[in-house]
Amino acid sequence: MTQTDQWHLLCRGDEVGDGQVVVVQLAGRELAVVRVGGELYCIDAICSHAFGYLDEGAVEGYEIECPLHGGRFDVRTGEPTGLPAELPICTYPLRAEGGVVYVRIEG
């Protein structure tokens, strides 16, 4: 971790149900928090292909779909898993303490 990396309060763990997406604006970014199989993941909230809001798309397994053109991304890695998306989206590390979830954003 560099000196500019910071942990930020993201949400309470119980705010995101399984298969749900919650968008949080934090540190000048729009982040999507996704719960799959009981685990939380944090990704950019905006599709790298057409700038659609990923929280408006479907979550199926570990994939989230952009509602604009159907591009898909793996929420664990940010890698595109379906065209027309070709560029990955950023993922962010999380940690939980006492039911509260923190995200690390590199500065």
N, C-alpha and C. Protein backbone atom coordinates (compact mmCIF):
# COMPACT_ATOMS: atom_id res chain seq x y z
N MET A 1 0.85 -1.19 0.00
CA MET A 1 0.00 0.00 0.00
C MET A 1 0.89 1.24 0.00
N THR A 2 0.60 2.17 -0.87
CA THR A 2 1.36 3.41 -0.92
C THR A 2 0.81 4.41 0.08
N GLN A 3 1.54 5.50 0.27
CA GLN A 3 1.09 6.52 1.21
C GLN A 3 -0.23 7.15 0.78
N THR A 4 -0.53 7.15 -0.51
CA THR A 4 -1.75 7.80 -0.96
C THR A 4 -2.96 6.87 -0.97
N ASP A 5 -2.75 5.57 -0.72
CA ASP A 5 -3.88 4.65 -0.61
C ASP A 5 -4.62 4.97 0.69
N GLN A 6 -5.94 4.97 0.61
CA GLN A 6 -6.73 5.26 1.79
C GLN A 6 -7.92 4.33 1.88
N TRP A 7 -8.26 3.95 3.10
CA TRP A 7 -9.48 3.18 3.34
C TRP A 7 -10.60 4.16 3.65
N HIS A 8 -11.74 3.97 3.00
CA HIS A 8 -12.90 4.84 3.16
C HIS A 8 -14.11 4.01 3.59
N LEU A 9 -14.91 4.57 4.46
CA LEU A 9 -16.17 3.94 4.83
C LEU A 9 -17.04 3.84 3.59
N LEU A 10 -17.49 2.65 3.25
CA LEU A 10 -18.28 2.43 2.04
C LEU A 10 -19.75 2.25 2.34
N CYS A 11 -20.08 1.30 3.22
CA CYS A 11 -21.48 1.01 3.54
C CYS A 11 -21.52 0.04 4.71
N ARG A 12 -22.72 -0.22 5.19
CA ARG A 12 -22.91 -1.32 6.14
C ARG A 12 -23.06 -2.60 5.32
N GLY A 13 -22.54 -3.67 5.80
CA GLY A 13 -22.60 -4.93 5.07
C GLY A 13 -24.01 -5.41 4.79
N ASP A 14 -24.94 -5.09 5.68
CA ASP A 14 -26.31 -5.57 5.49
C ASP A 14 -27.14 -4.68 4.56
N GLU A 15 -26.54 -3.64 3.99
CA GLU A 15 -27.26 -2.76 3.07
C GLU A 15 -27.39 -3.34 1.67
N VAL A 16 -26.62 -4.38 1.36
CA VAL A 16 -26.61 -4.95 0.02
C VAL A 16 -27.02 -6.41 0.10
N GLY A 17 -28.18 -6.72 -0.47
CA GLY A 17 -28.67 -8.09 -0.48
C GLY A 17 -28.01 -8.91 -1.59
N ASP A 18 -28.12 -10.22 -1.51
CA ASP A 18 -27.52 -11.09 -2.51
C ASP A 18 -28.10 -10.80 -3.89
N GLY A 19 -27.23 -10.61 -4.88
CA GLY A 19 -27.63 -10.30 -6.24
C GLY A 19 -28.00 -8.84 -6.45
N GLN A 20 -27.81 -8.02 -5.43
CA GLN A 20 -28.14 -6.61 -5.53
C GLN A 20 -26.89 -5.76 -5.77
N VAL A 21 -27.14 -4.54 -6.26
CA VAL A 21 -26.07 -3.57 -6.51
C VAL A 21 -26.48 -2.25 -5.87
N VAL A 22 -25.56 -1.64 -5.15
CA VAL A 22 -25.77 -0.33 -4.55
C VAL A 22 -24.66 0.59 -5.04
N VAL A 23 -25.02 1.77 -5.52
CA VAL A 23 -24.04 2.74 -5.99
C VAL A 23 -23.73 3.72 -4.86
N VAL A 24 -22.43 3.96 -4.68
CA VAL A 24 -21.96 4.89 -3.66
C VAL A 24 -21.02 5.88 -4.33
N GLN A 25 -21.23 7.17 -4.06
CA GLN A 25 -20.31 8.19 -4.55
C GLN A 25 -19.30 8.46 -3.45
N LEU A 26 -18.02 8.29 -3.80
CA LEU A 26 -16.98 8.37 -2.79
C LEU A 26 -15.67 8.80 -3.44
N ALA A 27 -15.00 9.75 -2.84
CA ALA A 27 -13.68 10.20 -3.29
C ALA A 27 -13.68 10.56 -4.78
N GLY A 28 -14.74 11.20 -5.24
CA GLY A 28 -14.83 11.63 -6.63
C GLY A 28 -15.11 10.51 -7.61
N ARG A 29 -15.53 9.36 -7.12
CA ARG A 29 -15.82 8.21 -7.98
C ARG A 29 -17.22 7.70 -7.71
N GLU A 30 -17.77 7.02 -8.70
CA GLU A 30 -19.03 6.31 -8.51
C GLU A 30 -18.70 4.83 -8.48
N LEU A 31 -18.97 4.22 -7.33
CA LEU A 31 -18.63 2.83 -7.10
C LEU A 31 -19.89 1.99 -6.98
N ALA A 32 -19.83 0.77 -7.49
CA ALA A 32 -20.94 -0.17 -7.35
C ALA A 32 -20.51 -1.26 -6.38
N VAL A 33 -21.33 -1.49 -5.37
CA VAL A 33 -21.10 -2.56 -4.41
C VAL A 33 -22.07 -3.68 -4.76
N VAL A 34 -21.53 -4.86 -4.99
CA VAL A 34 -22.32 -6.01 -5.46
C VAL A 34 -22.12 -7.16 -4.49
N ARG A 35 -23.22 -7.83 -4.13
CA ARG A 35 -23.11 -9.03 -3.29
C ARG A 35 -23.47 -10.24 -4.14
N VAL A 36 -22.55 -11.21 -4.16
CA VAL A 36 -22.77 -12.46 -4.87
C VAL A 36 -22.34 -13.60 -3.95
N GLY A 37 -23.24 -14.54 -3.73
CA GLY A 37 -22.90 -15.69 -2.89
C GLY A 37 -22.45 -15.31 -1.50
N GLY A 38 -23.00 -14.24 -0.96
CA GLY A 38 -22.65 -13.80 0.38
C GLY A 38 -21.41 -12.93 0.47
N GLU A 39 -20.67 -12.77 -0.63
CA GLU A 39 -19.46 -11.95 -0.65
C GLU A 39 -19.73 -10.61 -1.31
N LEU A 40 -19.09 -9.56 -0.80
CA LEU A 40 -19.21 -8.23 -1.38
C LEU A 40 -18.04 -7.95 -2.31
N TYR A 41 -18.34 -7.25 -3.40
CA TYR A 41 -17.34 -6.82 -4.37
C TYR A 41 -17.59 -5.36 -4.67
N CYS A 42 -16.53 -4.63 -5.00
CA CYS A 42 -16.67 -3.22 -5.34
C CYS A 42 -16.00 -2.98 -6.69
N ILE A 43 -16.75 -2.37 -7.61
CA ILE A 43 -16.30 -2.10 -8.97
C ILE A 43 -16.69 -0.68 -9.35
N ASP A 44 -16.13 -0.20 -10.46
CA ASP A 44 -16.62 1.06 -11.02
C ASP A 44 -18.10 0.89 -11.35
N ALA A 45 -18.88 1.93 -11.15
CA ALA A 45 -20.31 1.87 -11.39
C ALA A 45 -20.68 2.12 -12.85
N ILE A 46 -19.70 2.54 -13.65
CA ILE A 46 -19.97 2.93 -15.03
C ILE A 46 -19.30 1.95 -15.98
N CYS A 47 -20.04 1.50 -16.99
CA CYS A 47 -19.54 0.59 -18.01
C CYS A 47 -18.41 1.25 -18.80
N SER A 48 -17.37 0.50 -19.10
CA SER A 48 -16.24 1.02 -19.86
C SER A 48 -16.55 1.15 -21.35
N HIS A 49 -17.63 0.55 -21.80
CA HIS A 49 -17.97 0.61 -23.22
C HIS A 49 -18.83 1.82 -23.57
N ALA A 50 -19.95 1.97 -22.86
CA ALA A 50 -20.92 2.99 -23.27
C ALA A 50 -21.37 3.88 -22.12
N PHE A 51 -20.67 3.82 -21.01
CA PHE A 51 -20.94 4.70 -19.88
C PHE A 51 -22.34 4.52 -19.29
N GLY A 52 -22.86 3.29 -19.36
CA GLY A 52 -24.13 2.97 -18.70
C GLY A 52 -23.90 2.67 -17.23
N TYR A 53 -24.92 2.92 -16.42
CA TYR A 53 -24.84 2.63 -14.99
C TYR A 53 -25.09 1.15 -14.76
N LEU A 54 -24.07 0.46 -14.26
CA LEU A 54 -24.15 -0.98 -14.09
C LEU A 54 -25.18 -1.41 -13.06
N ASP A 55 -25.53 -0.55 -12.11
CA ASP A 55 -26.53 -0.93 -11.12
C ASP A 55 -27.92 -1.09 -11.75
N GLU A 56 -28.10 -0.59 -12.96
CA GLU A 56 -29.38 -0.73 -13.66
C GLU A 56 -29.44 -2.01 -14.49
N GLY A 57 -28.34 -2.76 -14.50
CA GLY A 57 -28.29 -4.02 -15.25
C GLY A 57 -28.49 -5.21 -14.33
N ALA A 58 -28.54 -6.38 -14.93
CA ALA A 58 -28.77 -7.62 -14.19
C ALA A 58 -27.46 -8.20 -13.65
N VAL A 59 -27.57 -8.87 -12.50
CA VAL A 59 -26.45 -9.63 -11.94
C VAL A 59 -26.82 -11.10 -12.07
N GLU A 60 -25.95 -11.84 -12.75
CA GLU A 60 -26.14 -13.29 -12.91
C GLU A 60 -24.83 -13.97 -12.55
N GLY A 61 -24.85 -14.71 -11.46
CA GLY A 61 -23.60 -15.29 -10.97
C GLY A 61 -22.64 -14.17 -10.65
N TYR A 62 -21.42 -14.28 -11.14
CA TYR A 62 -20.41 -13.25 -10.89
C TYR A 62 -20.34 -12.22 -12.01
N GLU A 63 -21.34 -12.20 -12.88
CA GLU A 63 -21.36 -11.24 -13.98
C GLU A 63 -22.41 -10.16 -13.74
N ILE A 64 -22.04 -8.94 -14.14
CA ILE A 64 -22.99 -7.83 -14.13
C ILE A 64 -23.09 -7.34 -15.56
N GLU A 65 -24.31 -7.04 -15.98
CA GLU A 65 -24.57 -6.65 -17.37
C GLU A 65 -24.92 -5.18 -17.47
N CYS A 66 -24.33 -4.51 -18.45
CA CYS A 66 -24.66 -3.12 -18.71
C CYS A 66 -26.03 -3.07 -19.38
N PRO A 67 -26.93 -2.19 -18.91
CA PRO A 67 -28.27 -2.13 -19.48
C PRO A 67 -28.33 -1.50 -20.87
N LEU A 68 -27.28 -0.81 -21.29
CA LEU A 68 -27.33 -0.12 -22.59
C LEU A 68 -27.14 -1.04 -23.77
N HIS A 69 -26.07 -1.85 -23.75
CA HIS A 69 -25.78 -2.70 -24.91
C HIS A 69 -25.50 -4.15 -24.54
N GLY A 70 -25.64 -4.50 -23.28
CA GLY A 70 -25.49 -5.90 -22.87
C GLY A 70 -24.07 -6.35 -22.58
N GLY A 71 -23.09 -5.43 -22.57
CA GLY A 71 -21.74 -5.83 -22.19
C GLY A 71 -21.73 -6.36 -20.77
N ARG A 72 -20.88 -7.34 -20.50
CA ARG A 72 -20.84 -7.96 -19.17
C ARG A 72 -19.43 -7.93 -18.60
N PHE A 73 -19.37 -7.91 -17.26
CA PHE A 73 -18.11 -7.86 -16.53
C PHE A 73 -18.15 -8.82 -15.37
N ASP A 74 -16.99 -9.39 -15.03
CA ASP A 74 -16.84 -10.23 -13.85
C ASP A 74 -16.63 -9.28 -12.66
N VAL A 75 -17.49 -9.36 -11.66
CA VAL A 75 -17.40 -8.44 -10.52
C VAL A 75 -16.17 -8.71 -9.66
N ARG A 76 -15.59 -9.89 -9.78
CA ARG A 76 -14.40 -10.22 -8.99
C ARG A 76 -13.14 -9.60 -9.56
N THR A 77 -13.08 -9.49 -10.90
CA THR A 77 -11.84 -9.05 -11.56
C THR A 77 -12.00 -7.77 -12.36
N GLY A 78 -13.24 -7.42 -12.71
CA GLY A 78 -13.49 -6.27 -13.57
C GLY A 78 -13.30 -6.57 -15.05
N GLU A 79 -12.87 -7.78 -15.38
CA GLU A 79 -12.62 -8.15 -16.78
C GLU A 79 -13.94 -8.28 -17.54
N PRO A 80 -13.95 -7.85 -18.81
CA PRO A 80 -15.15 -8.01 -19.63
C PRO A 80 -15.37 -9.49 -19.94
N THR A 81 -16.63 -9.91 -19.89
CA THR A 81 -16.97 -11.31 -20.17
C THR A 81 -17.96 -11.42 -21.32
N GLY A 82 -18.39 -10.28 -21.86
CA GLY A 82 -19.33 -10.29 -22.97
C GLY A 82 -19.25 -9.01 -23.77
N LEU A 83 -19.23 -9.16 -25.08
CA LEU A 83 -19.20 -8.00 -25.98
C LEU A 83 -20.50 -7.23 -25.89
N PRO A 84 -20.47 -5.95 -26.16
CA PRO A 84 -19.41 -5.18 -26.79
C PRO A 84 -18.33 -4.66 -25.84
N ALA A 85 -18.43 -4.97 -24.55
CA ALA A 85 -17.41 -4.51 -23.60
C ALA A 85 -16.07 -5.19 -23.91
N GLU A 86 -15.03 -4.39 -24.06
CA GLU A 86 -13.69 -4.93 -24.33
C GLU A 86 -12.66 -4.48 -23.31
N LEU A 87 -12.91 -3.36 -22.65
CA LEU A 87 -11.98 -2.84 -21.64
C LEU A 87 -12.49 -3.17 -20.25
N PRO A 88 -11.59 -3.53 -19.34
CA PRO A 88 -12.03 -3.85 -17.97
C PRO A 88 -12.47 -2.60 -17.22
N ILE A 89 -13.17 -2.83 -16.13
CA ILE A 89 -13.50 -1.77 -15.18
C ILE A 89 -12.66 -2.01 -13.93
N CYS A 90 -12.46 -0.97 -13.14
CA CYS A 90 -11.64 -1.09 -11.94
C CYS A 90 -12.39 -1.85 -10.85
N THR A 91 -11.63 -2.60 -10.08
CA THR A 91 -12.14 -3.25 -8.88
C THR A 91 -11.40 -2.66 -7.69
N TYR A 92 -12.00 -2.76 -6.52
CA TYR A 92 -11.43 -2.13 -5.33
C TYR A 92 -11.46 -3.13 -4.17
N PRO A 93 -10.37 -3.21 -3.39
CA PRO A 93 -10.33 -4.12 -2.25
C PRO A 93 -11.25 -3.63 -1.13
N LEU A 94 -11.85 -4.60 -0.46
CA LEU A 94 -12.75 -4.31 0.66
C LEU A 94 -12.24 -4.98 1.92
N ARG A 95 -12.66 -4.41 3.04
CA ARG A 95 -12.46 -5.06 4.34
C ARG A 95 -13.67 -4.74 5.20
N ALA A 96 -14.02 -5.66 6.06
CA ALA A 96 -15.18 -5.47 6.93
C ALA A 96 -14.72 -5.47 8.38
N GLU A 97 -15.31 -4.57 9.15
CA GLU A 97 -15.03 -4.48 10.58
C GLU A 97 -16.34 -4.15 11.29
N GLY A 98 -16.79 -5.04 12.14
CA GLY A 98 -17.98 -4.78 12.93
C GLY A 98 -19.22 -4.48 12.09
N GLY A 99 -19.37 -5.17 10.97
CA GLY A 99 -20.55 -4.97 10.13
C GLY A 99 -20.46 -3.79 9.18
N VAL A 100 -19.34 -3.07 9.22
CA VAL A 100 -19.14 -1.92 8.34
C VAL A 100 -18.09 -2.31 7.28
N VAL A 101 -18.32 -1.88 6.06
CA VAL A 101 -17.42 -2.23 4.96
C VAL A 101 -16.62 -0.99 4.55
N TYR A 102 -15.32 -1.18 4.39
CA TYR A 102 -14.40 -0.14 3.96
C TYR A 102 -13.81 -0.53 2.60
N VAL A 103 -13.54 0.48 1.78
CA VAL A 103 -12.93 0.27 0.47
C VAL A 103 -11.61 1.02 0.41
N ARG A 104 -10.62 0.40 -0.24
CA ARG A 104 -9.34 1.07 -0.41
C ARG A 104 -9.28 1.66 -1.82
N ILE A 105 -9.03 2.95 -1.84
CA ILE A 105 -8.93 3.67 -3.11
C ILE A 105 -7.51 4.20 -3.23
N GLU A 106 -6.87 3.80 -4.31
CA GLU A 106 -5.49 4.25 -4.54
C GLU A 106 -5.52 5.68 -5.03
N GLY A 107 -4.66 6.49 -4.49
CA GLY A 107 -4.67 7.90 -4.83
C GLY A 107 -3.57 8.28 -5.71
